[in-house]
Amino acid sequence: MKKVKITILKTTFDKELADEYGAVGLTACPMMKEGQVFYADYARPEGFCDEAWKAVYQYVFALAHGAGRETFYYGDWIRKPGVAICSCNDGLRPVIMKLEATEQPSEMEYTPVR
């Protein structure tokens, strides 16, 4: 298993929908910042939003295990091998992320049961 690089490309905010449905004072995502980089494999990286992880973990898992070395979905989604462009599930302020396969080995922490 290899690590996957996650880069925050863009934080967005749909003002029209937020004005109609959002809580007073709602702004763009306060957790994720454009340009942030995380490395993941089987587990959510520290400091990474729980909800964003739920939206992208299956792509991270697939890339960590070698899927997408060609292209995802028969080449009709992303043209670059080993890359996925995903977003979190927040419909008012989605965060757009680039996931990239790396050659960096994953190091799982293992604690033997005694």
Protein backbone atom coordinates (compact mmCIF):
# COMPACT_ATOMS: atom_id res chain seq x y z
CA MET A 1 0.00 0.00 0.00
CA LYS A 2 1.21 3.50 -0.87
CA LYS A 3 0.37 6.89 0.57
CA VAL A 4 -1.98 9.22 -1.27
CA LYS A 5 -1.32 12.95 -1.42
CA ILE A 6 -4.43 15.08 -0.83
CA THR A 7 -4.18 18.73 -1.86
CA ILE A 8 -6.95 21.21 -1.07
CA LEU A 9 -7.51 22.95 -4.41
CA LYS A 10 -10.42 25.21 -3.61
CA THR A 11 -12.87 26.12 -0.88
CA THR A 12 -16.17 27.35 -2.21
CA PHE A 13 -19.26 29.03 -0.81
CA ASP A 14 -22.68 29.13 -2.47
CA LYS A 15 -24.03 32.43 -1.15
CA GLU A 16 -27.45 32.03 -2.75
CA LEU A 17 -28.10 28.66 -1.11
CA ALA A 18 -26.48 29.76 2.16
CA ASP A 19 -28.75 32.83 2.31
CA GLU A 20 -31.78 30.57 1.93
CA TYR A 21 -30.76 27.55 4.02
CA GLY A 22 -27.57 28.26 5.96
CA ALA A 23 -27.15 29.25 9.57
CA VAL A 24 -26.64 32.93 10.27
CA GLY A 25 -22.98 33.82 9.81
CA LEU A 26 -22.12 30.72 7.75
CA THR A 27 -18.90 31.15 5.75
CA ALA A 28 -16.63 28.97 3.61
CA CYS A 29 -15.24 25.89 5.35
CA PRO A 30 -13.26 26.94 8.43
CA MET A 31 -11.28 23.65 8.62
CA MET A 32 -9.73 23.25 5.19
CA LYS A 33 -7.56 25.88 3.50
CA GLU A 34 -6.51 26.12 -0.13
CA GLY A 35 -3.02 24.72 -0.61
CA GLN A 36 -3.10 22.44 2.45
CA VAL A 37 -1.54 19.03 1.83
CA PHE A 38 -2.30 15.79 3.66
CA TYR A 39 -1.00 12.24 3.20
CA ALA A 40 -3.33 9.31 3.78
CA ASP A 41 -3.68 5.58 3.22
CA TYR A 42 -6.13 3.56 5.30
CA ALA A 43 -6.92 6.19 7.93
CA ARG A 44 -8.03 9.81 8.04
CA PRO A 45 -5.05 12.13 8.34
CA GLU A 46 -4.79 14.22 11.49
CA GLY A 47 -6.49 17.60 11.02
CA PHE A 48 -8.54 16.41 8.04
CA CYS A 49 -12.28 17.07 8.26
CA ASP A 50 -14.32 13.97 9.22
CA GLU A 51 -17.06 14.75 6.71
CA ALA A 52 -14.58 15.34 3.89
CA TRP A 53 -12.91 12.02 4.74
CA LYS A 54 -16.24 10.22 4.45
CA ALA A 55 -16.59 11.65 0.95
CA VAL A 56 -13.13 10.71 -0.34
CA TYR A 57 -11.87 7.71 1.60
CA GLN A 58 -12.92 5.17 -1.04
CA TYR A 59 -10.85 7.01 -3.67
CA VAL A 60 -7.90 7.26 -1.27
CA PHE A 61 -8.16 3.54 -0.55
CA ALA A 62 -8.32 2.70 -4.26
CA LEU A 63 -5.33 4.89 -5.14
CA ALA A 64 -3.33 3.56 -2.16
CA HIS A 65 -3.84 0.05 -3.52
CA GLY A 66 -2.85 0.84 -7.10
CA ALA A 67 -6.23 1.55 -8.70
CA GLY A 68 -6.21 4.44 -11.09
CA ARG A 69 -2.65 3.77 -12.27
CA GLU A 70 -4.22 3.99 -15.69
CA THR A 71 -7.25 6.28 -15.26
CA PHE A 72 -10.41 6.03 -13.21
CA TYR A 73 -13.67 4.93 -14.82
CA TYR A 74 -12.33 3.91 -18.21
CA GLY A 75 -10.77 7.32 -18.83
CA ASP A 76 -14.06 9.20 -19.06
CA TRP A 77 -13.67 11.15 -15.81
CA ILE A 78 -10.07 12.22 -15.13
CA ARG A 79 -7.52 12.09 -17.94
CA LYS A 80 -4.47 11.95 -15.65
CA PRO A 81 -3.50 8.50 -14.31
CA GLY A 82 -3.31 8.16 -10.53
CA VAL A 83 -5.38 11.29 -9.89
CA ALA A 84 -8.92 11.89 -8.65
CA ILE A 85 -10.62 15.27 -8.18
CA CYS A 86 -13.22 15.03 -5.42
CA SER A 87 -15.23 17.25 -3.14
CA CYS A 88 -16.72 16.98 0.31
CA ASN A 89 -20.44 16.54 0.87
CA ASP A 90 -21.19 20.06 2.11
CA GLY A 91 -23.66 21.46 -0.42
CA LEU A 92 -23.33 25.04 0.84
CA ARG A 93 -19.54 25.23 1.10
CA PRO A 94 -17.89 22.30 -0.70
CA VAL A 95 -14.14 21.83 -0.64
CA ILE A 96 -12.48 20.56 -3.83
CA MET A 97 -9.52 18.20 -3.42
CA LYS A 98 -6.94 16.57 -5.67
CA LEU A 99 -5.96 13.03 -4.68
CA GLU A 100 -2.72 11.70 -6.14
CA ALA A 101 -1.15 8.26 -5.92
CA THR A 102 2.45 8.37 -4.70
CA GLU A 103 5.27 5.87 -4.48
CA GLN A 104 5.71 6.63 -0.78
CA PRO A 105 5.16 3.39 1.18
CA SER A 106 2.47 3.36 3.82
CA GLU A 107 3.62 2.57 7.33
CA MET A 108 0.82 1.00 9.31
CA GLU A 109 1.20 1.14 13.04
CA TYR A 110 0.85 -2.35 14.46
CA THR A 111 0.42 -3.11 18.10
CA PRO A 112 0.45 -6.83 18.90
CA VAL A 113 -2.32 -8.10 21.12
CA ARG A 114 -1.02 -9.70 24.30
